[in-house]
Amino acid sequence: MTTADRTFLTLLEAAPDAMIVVDGRGRMEMINAQAERMFGYAREEMVGQPVEMLVPSRFRPAHMRHREAYASAPGTRPMGVGLDLYGRRKDGSEFPVEISLSPLHTDTGTLTISAIRDITDRKNAERDRARLIEERAAHADASRVKDEFFATLSHELRTPLNAILGWTTLLSEGTLDEVRDADGWARGYARGQLPG
């Protein structure tokens, strides 16, 4: 093993993300300790296996097509390029991931270096934030409806109460005479003429 090979393996092992090096046929050639921890497989279980073993089964056919397309025109693809990607652990559980890809041209062919990051915490935070925004919007909407209800209720109650208070004032001041009280006030009120 050359010094360059040892340096590359040391860097691969020291990376903070899961690192998997895949050959042109989609077989895993090198795996770091982070990848072992993330996916729950020992290195020996992954080396030589198709990388699709780390992809949920429903996504495998599409992943193979994407991998083949990438192999025909390899280039650097940074993390978070707008794809919703998922990994599959040995125990079958799935988790959201971000993956960056970098080609590594060698004498024997082009390898793909994959840096994989578990973004479960970020997705949960995004979901919690969206739920909080929805709850706040629902609360604001409920407050607006409540305010509109009380404004309408206040207006609807104020109109008849004003008439009742007006008549009560006239009655308490004795400004209505008995004749109009007895018969005429109702006809006058119906014509829009206030007694007094």
C-alpha atoms as a PDB file:
ATOM      1  CA  MET A   1       0.000   0.000   0.000  1.00  0.00           C
ATOM      2  CA  THR A   2       1.394   3.382  -0.981  1.00  0.00           C
ATOM      3  CA  THR A   3       1.615   6.417   1.260  1.00  0.00           C
ATOM      4  CA  ALA A   4      -1.113   8.065  -0.819  1.00  0.00           C
ATOM      5  CA  ASP A   5      -3.385   5.043  -0.283  1.00  0.00           C
ATOM      6  CA  ARG A   6      -2.777   5.118   3.476  1.00  0.00           C
ATOM      7  CA  THR A   7      -3.437   8.863   3.568  1.00  0.00           C
ATOM      8  CA  PHE A   8      -6.681   8.420   1.622  1.00  0.00           C
ATOM      9  CA  LEU A   9      -7.861   5.656   3.967  1.00  0.00           C
ATOM     10  CA  THR A  10      -6.956   7.756   7.014  1.00  0.00           C
ATOM     11  CA  LEU A  11      -8.944  10.705   5.639  1.00  0.00           C
ATOM     12  CA  LEU A  12     -11.858   8.423   4.778  1.00  0.00           C
ATOM     13  CA  GLU A  13     -11.873   7.037   8.312  1.00  0.00           C
ATOM     14  CA  ALA A  14     -11.611  10.495   9.924  1.00  0.00           C
ATOM     15  CA  ALA A  15     -14.542  11.978   7.989  1.00  0.00           C
ATOM     16  CA  PRO A  16     -17.444  13.088  10.201  1.00  0.00           C
ATOM     17  CA  ASP A  17     -19.992  11.666   7.726  1.00  0.00           C
ATOM     18  CA  ALA A  18     -20.543   8.091   6.646  1.00  0.00           C
ATOM     19  CA  MET A  19     -18.244   7.500   3.669  1.00  0.00           C
ATOM     20  CA  ILE A  20     -18.764   4.756   1.121  1.00  0.00           C
ATOM     21  CA  VAL A  21     -16.653   4.265  -2.001  1.00  0.00           C
ATOM     22  CA  VAL A  22     -18.492   2.487  -4.816  1.00  0.00           C
ATOM     23  CA  ASP A  23     -17.039   1.035  -8.015  1.00  0.00           C
ATOM     24  CA  GLY A  24     -18.471   1.422 -11.507  1.00  0.00           C
ATOM     25  CA  ARG A  25     -20.731  -1.621 -11.047  1.00  0.00           C
ATOM     26  CA  GLY A  26     -22.283  -0.199  -7.870  1.00  0.00           C
ATOM     27  CA  ARG A  27     -20.376  -2.478  -5.483  1.00  0.00           C
ATOM     28  CA  MET A  28     -19.088  -1.040  -2.216  1.00  0.00           C
ATOM     29  CA  GLU A  29     -15.289  -1.112  -1.996  1.00  0.00           C
ATOM     30  CA  MET A  30     -14.473   0.995   1.078  1.00  0.00           C
ATOM     31  CA  ILE A  31     -16.531   1.914   4.117  1.00  0.00           C
ATOM     32  CA  ASN A  32     -15.610   4.039   7.134  1.00  0.00           C
ATOM     33  CA  ALA A  33     -16.587   3.488  10.770  1.00  0.00           C
ATOM     34  CA  GLN A  34     -19.326   6.153  10.554  1.00  0.00           C
ATOM     35  CA  ALA A  35     -21.025   4.157   7.788  1.00  0.00           C
ATOM     36  CA  GLU A  36     -20.874   1.030   9.955  1.00  0.00           C
ATOM     37  CA  ARG A  37     -22.522   2.901  12.832  1.00  0.00           C
ATOM     38  CA  MET A  38     -25.108   4.596  10.616  1.00  0.00           C
ATOM     39  CA  PHE A  39     -26.276   1.491   8.765  1.00  0.00           C
ATOM     40  CA  GLY A  40     -25.642  -1.135  11.453  1.00  0.00           C
ATOM     41  CA  TYR A  41     -23.576  -3.446   9.244  1.00  0.00           C
ATOM     42  CA  ALA A  42     -19.978  -4.480   9.830  1.00  0.00           C
ATOM     43  CA  ARG A  43     -17.595  -3.450   7.074  1.00  0.00           C
ATOM     44  CA  GLU A  44     -17.165  -7.065   6.024  1.00  0.00           C
ATOM     45  CA  GLU A  45     -20.911  -7.350   5.430  1.00  0.00           C
ATOM     46  CA  MET A  46     -20.904  -4.359   3.064  1.00  0.00           C
ATOM     47  CA  VAL A  47     -17.686  -4.669   1.059  1.00  0.00           C
ATOM     48  CA  GLY A  48     -18.397  -6.237  -2.328  1.00  0.00           C
ATOM     49  CA  GLN A  49     -22.171  -5.858  -1.970  1.00  0.00           C
ATOM     50  CA  PRO A  50     -24.359  -3.628  -4.161  1.00  0.00           C
ATOM     51  CA  VAL A  51     -24.850  -0.211  -2.601  1.00  0.00           C
ATOM     52  CA  GLU A  52     -28.605  -0.712  -3.049  1.00  0.00           C
ATOM     53  CA  MET A  53     -28.590  -2.912   0.066  1.00  0.00           C
ATOM     54  CA  LEU A  54     -28.502   0.416   1.966  1.00  0.00           C
ATOM     55  CA  VAL A  55     -31.530   1.801   0.081  1.00  0.00           C
ATOM     56  CA  PRO A  56     -35.174   1.020   1.002  1.00  0.00           C
ATOM     57  CA  SER A  57     -36.535  -1.600  -1.419  1.00  0.00           C
ATOM     58  CA  ARG A  58     -39.193   0.709  -2.908  1.00  0.00           C
ATOM     59  CA  PHE A  59     -36.425   3.104  -4.047  1.00  0.00           C
ATOM     60  CA  ARG A  60     -33.944   0.520  -5.352  1.00  0.00           C
ATOM     61  CA  PRO A  61     -34.980   0.454  -9.036  1.00  0.00           C
ATOM     62  CA  ALA A  62     -34.867   4.256  -9.270  1.00  0.00           C
ATOM     63  CA  HIS A  63     -31.572   4.325  -7.356  1.00  0.00           C
ATOM     64  CA  MET A  64     -30.006   1.895  -9.806  1.00  0.00           C
ATOM     65  CA  ARG A  65     -31.082   4.083 -12.755  1.00  0.00           C
ATOM     66  CA  HIS A  66     -29.681   7.219 -11.061  1.00  0.00           C
ATOM     67  CA  ARG A  67     -26.449   5.423 -10.196  1.00  0.00           C
ATOM     68  CA  GLU A  68     -25.998   4.215 -13.779  1.00  0.00           C
ATOM     69  CA  ALA A  69     -26.720   7.703 -15.148  1.00  0.00           C
ATOM     70  CA  TYR A  70     -24.181   9.179 -12.733  1.00  0.00           C
ATOM     71  CA  ALA A  71     -21.558   6.579 -13.725  1.00  0.00           C
ATOM     72  CA  SER A  72     -21.951   7.539 -17.391  1.00  0.00           C
ATOM     73  CA  ALA A  73     -21.289  11.223 -16.635  1.00  0.00           C
ATOM     74  CA  PRO A  74     -19.719  11.518 -13.176  1.00  0.00           C
ATOM     75  CA  GLY A  75     -19.378  14.885 -11.526  1.00  0.00           C
ATOM     76  CA  THR A  76     -19.371  16.420  -8.093  1.00  0.00           C
ATOM     77  CA  ARG A  77     -22.826  16.640  -6.586  1.00  0.00           C
ATOM     78  CA  PRO A  78     -23.020  18.550  -3.287  1.00  0.00           C
ATOM     79  CA  MET A  79     -25.226  17.579  -0.369  1.00  0.00           C
ATOM     80  CA  GLY A  80     -28.770  18.787  -0.288  1.00  0.00           C
ATOM     81  CA  VAL A  81     -29.463  19.187  -3.985  1.00  0.00           C
ATOM     82  CA  GLY A  82     -33.203  18.984  -3.421  1.00  0.00           C
ATOM     83  CA  LEU A  83     -33.651  15.218  -3.392  1.00  0.00           C
ATOM     84  CA  ASP A  84     -35.559  13.383  -0.676  1.00  0.00           C
ATOM     85  CA  LEU A  85     -33.327  10.377  -0.069  1.00  0.00           C
ATOM     86  CA  TYR A  86     -33.610   7.573   2.460  1.00  0.00           C
ATOM     87  CA  GLY A  87     -31.224   5.011   3.868  1.00  0.00           C
ATOM     88  CA  ARG A  88     -32.056   1.568   5.209  1.00  0.00           C
ATOM     89  CA  ARG A  89     -30.368   0.118   8.268  1.00  0.00           C
ATOM     90  CA  LYS A  90     -29.608  -3.549   8.824  1.00  0.00           C
ATOM     91  CA  ASP A  91     -32.628  -3.777  11.134  1.00  0.00           C
ATOM     92  CA  GLY A  92     -34.866  -2.567   8.276  1.00  0.00           C
ATOM     93  CA  SER A  93     -35.541   0.884   9.704  1.00  0.00           C
ATOM     94  CA  GLU A  94     -35.442   3.810   7.306  1.00  0.00           C
ATOM     95  CA  PHE A  95     -34.096   7.303   7.858  1.00  0.00           C
ATOM     96  CA  PRO A  96     -33.722  10.457   5.731  1.00  0.00           C
ATOM     97  CA  VAL A  97     -30.256  11.200   4.378  1.00  0.00           C
ATOM     98  CA  GLU A  98     -28.336  13.741   2.347  1.00  0.00           C
ATOM     99  CA  ILE A  99     -25.675  12.420   0.039  1.00  0.00           C
ATOM    100  CA  SER A 100     -22.858  14.130  -1.795  1.00  0.00           C
ATOM    101  CA  LEU A 101     -21.085  12.379  -4.631  1.00  0.00           C
ATOM    102  CA  SER A 102     -17.570  12.881  -5.939  1.00  0.00           C
ATOM    103  CA  PRO A 103     -15.876  10.916  -8.715  1.00  0.00           C
ATOM    104  CA  LEU A 104     -12.403   9.521  -8.119  1.00  0.00           C
ATOM    105  CA  HIS A 105     -10.611   8.576 -11.328  1.00  0.00           C
ATOM    106  CA  THR A 106      -8.162   5.691 -10.883  1.00  0.00           C
ATOM    107  CA  ASP A 107      -6.115   3.461 -13.184  1.00  0.00           C
ATOM    108  CA  THR A 108      -8.746   0.749 -12.867  1.00  0.00           C
ATOM    109  CA  GLY A 109     -11.781   2.991 -13.455  1.00  0.00           C
ATOM    110  CA  THR A 110     -13.848   5.690 -11.839  1.00  0.00           C
ATOM    111  CA  LEU A 111     -14.950   5.236  -8.251  1.00  0.00           C
ATOM    112  CA  THR A 112     -17.718   7.231  -6.612  1.00  0.00           C
ATOM    113  CA  ILE A 113     -17.099   8.604  -3.145  1.00  0.00           C
ATOM    114  CA  SER A 114     -20.367   9.051  -1.266  1.00  0.00           C
ATOM    115  CA  ALA A 115     -20.599  11.171   1.872  1.00  0.00           C
ATOM    116  CA  ILE A 116     -23.842  10.323   3.663  1.00  0.00           C
ATOM    117  CA  ARG A 117     -25.419  12.347   6.455  1.00  0.00           C
ATOM    118  CA  ASP A 118     -28.374  11.274   8.620  1.00  0.00           C
ATOM    119  CA  ILE A 119     -30.765  14.261   8.666  1.00  0.00           C
ATOM    120  CA  THR A 120     -33.439  12.767  10.923  1.00  0.00           C
ATOM    121  CA  ASP A 121     -33.029  15.512  13.560  1.00  0.00           C
ATOM    122  CA  ARG A 122     -33.292  18.271  10.961  1.00  0.00           C
ATOM    123  CA  LYS A 123     -36.395  16.703   9.360  1.00  0.00           C
ATOM    124  CA  ASN A 124     -38.016  16.380  12.788  1.00  0.00           C
ATOM    125  CA  ALA A 125     -37.220  20.021  13.564  1.00  0.00           C
ATOM    126  CA  GLU A 126     -38.677  21.092  10.203  1.00  0.00           C
ATOM    127  CA  ARG A 127     -41.835  19.056  10.870  1.00  0.00           C
ATOM    128  CA  ASP A 128     -42.155  20.538  14.387  1.00  0.00           C
ATOM    129  CA  ARG A 129     -41.689  24.044  12.993  1.00  0.00           C
ATOM    130  CA  ALA A 130     -44.347  23.469  10.302  1.00  0.00           C
ATOM    131  CA  ARG A 131     -46.760  22.123  12.938  1.00  0.00           C
ATOM    132  CA  LEU A 132     -46.102  25.136  15.160  1.00  0.00           C
ATOM    133  CA  ILE A 133     -46.746  27.521  12.257  1.00  0.00           C
ATOM    134  CA  GLU A 134     -50.023  25.693  11.502  1.00  0.00           C
ATOM    135  CA  GLU A 135     -51.073  25.861  15.151  1.00  0.00           C
ATOM    136  CA  ARG A 136     -50.292  29.571  15.330  1.00  0.00           C
ATOM    137  CA  ALA A 137     -52.217  30.212  12.110  1.00  0.00           C
ATOM    138  CA  ALA A 138     -55.181  28.220  13.459  1.00  0.00           C
ATOM    139  CA  HIS A 139     -55.021  30.157  16.741  1.00  0.00           C
ATOM    140  CA  ALA A 140     -54.864  33.492  14.903  1.00  0.00           C
ATOM    141  CA  ASP A 141     -57.810  32.441  12.743  1.00  0.00           C
ATOM    142  CA  ALA A 142     -59.804  31.399  15.825  1.00  0.00           C
ATOM    143  CA  SER A 143     -59.004  34.743  17.504  1.00  0.00           C
ATOM    144  CA  ARG A 144     -60.122  36.643  14.397  1.00  0.00           C
ATOM    145  CA  VAL A 145     -63.400  34.668  14.236  1.00  0.00           C
ATOM    146  CA  LYS A 146     -63.979  35.258  17.969  1.00  0.00           C
ATOM    147  CA  ASP A 147     -63.345  38.996  17.575  1.00  0.00           C
ATOM    148  CA  GLU A 148     -65.729  39.181  14.616  1.00  0.00           C
ATOM    149  CA  PHE A 149     -68.375  37.274  16.577  1.00  0.00           C
ATOM    150  CA  PHE A 150     -68.136  39.610  19.578  1.00  0.00           C
ATOM    151  CA  ALA A 151     -68.186  42.691  17.345  1.00  0.00           C
ATOM    152  CA  THR A 152     -71.337  41.430  15.624  1.00  0.00           C
ATOM    153  CA  LEU A 153     -72.921  40.392  18.906  1.00  0.00           C
ATOM    154  CA  SER A 154     -72.141  43.786  20.432  1.00  0.00           C
ATOM    155  CA  HIS A 155     -73.698  45.591  17.484  1.00  0.00           C
ATOM    156  CA  GLU A 156     -76.789  43.352  17.463  1.00  0.00           C
ATOM    157  CA  LEU A 157     -77.325  43.819  21.202  1.00  0.00           C
ATOM    158  CA  ARG A 158     -76.562  47.548  21.235  1.00  0.00           C
ATOM    159  CA  THR A 159     -79.299  48.451  18.724  1.00  0.00           C
ATOM    160  CA  PRO A 160     -82.295  47.072  20.690  1.00  0.00           C
ATOM    161  CA  LEU A 161     -80.733  48.046  24.023  1.00  0.00           C
ATOM    162  CA  ASN A 162     -80.436  51.678  22.881  1.00  0.00           C
ATOM    163  CA  ALA A 163     -84.154  51.738  22.084  1.00  0.00           C
ATOM    164  CA  ILE A 164     -85.005  50.136  25.428  1.00  0.00           C
ATOM    165  CA  LEU A 165     -82.752  52.600  27.283  1.00  0.00           C
ATOM    166  CA  GLY A 166     -84.314  55.516  25.410  1.00  0.00           C
ATOM    167  CA  TRP A 167     -87.836  54.470  26.294  1.00  0.00           C
ATOM    168  CA  THR A 168     -86.824  53.760  29.867  1.00  0.00           C
ATOM    169  CA  THR A 169     -85.392  57.271  30.153  1.00  0.00           C
ATOM    170  CA  LEU A 170     -88.561  58.824  28.747  1.00  0.00           C
ATOM    171  CA  LEU A 171     -90.712  56.787  31.091  1.00  0.00           C
ATOM    172  CA  SER A 172     -88.589  57.554  34.138  1.00  0.00           C
ATOM    173  CA  GLU A 173     -88.567  61.298  33.393  1.00  0.00           C
ATOM    174  CA  GLY A 174     -92.342  61.291  32.965  1.00  0.00           C
ATOM    175  CA  THR A 175     -92.138  63.008  29.574  1.00  0.00           C
ATOM    176  CA  LEU A 176     -94.701  60.669  27.999  1.00  0.00           C
ATOM    177  CA  ASP A 177     -98.295  61.651  28.560  1.00  0.00           C
ATOM    178  CA  GLU A 178    -100.841  59.020  29.433  1.00  0.00           C
ATOM    179  CA  VAL A 179    -102.834  59.332  26.191  1.00  0.00           C
ATOM    180  CA  ARG A 180     -99.827  58.709  24.001  1.00  0.00           C
ATOM    181  CA  ASP A 181     -98.659  56.068  26.439  1.00  0.00           C
ATOM    182  CA  ALA A 182    -101.906  54.246  26.222  1.00  0.00           C
ATOM    183  CA  ASP A 183    -102.365  54.177  22.481  1.00  0.00           C
ATOM    184  CA  GLY A 184    -100.411  56.647  20.434  1.00  0.00           C
ATOM    185  CA  TRP A 185     -96.837  55.795  21.185  1.00  0.00           C
ATOM    186  CA  ALA A 186     -97.005  52.487  19.290  1.00  0.00           C
ATOM    187  CA  ARG A 187     -98.441  54.128  16.137  1.00  0.00           C
ATOM    188  CA  GLY A 188     -95.972  57.004  16.401  1.00  0.00           C
ATOM    189  CA  TYR A 189     -93.055  54.664  16.869  1.00  0.00           C
ATOM    190  CA  ALA A 190     -94.212  52.566  13.888  1.00  0.00           C
ATOM    191  CA  ARG A 191     -94.144  55.756  11.713  1.00  0.00           C
ATOM    192  CA  GLY A 192     -90.663  56.645  13.021  1.00  0.00           C
ATOM    193  CA  GLN A 193     -91.914  59.459  15.243  1.00  0.00           C
ATOM    194  CA  LEU A 194     -90.526  59.426  18.720  1.00  0.00           C
ATOM    195  CA  PRO A 195     -93.009  60.333  21.435  1.00  0.00           C
ATOM    196  CA  GLY A 196     -92.491  63.361  23.551  1.00  0.00           C
END
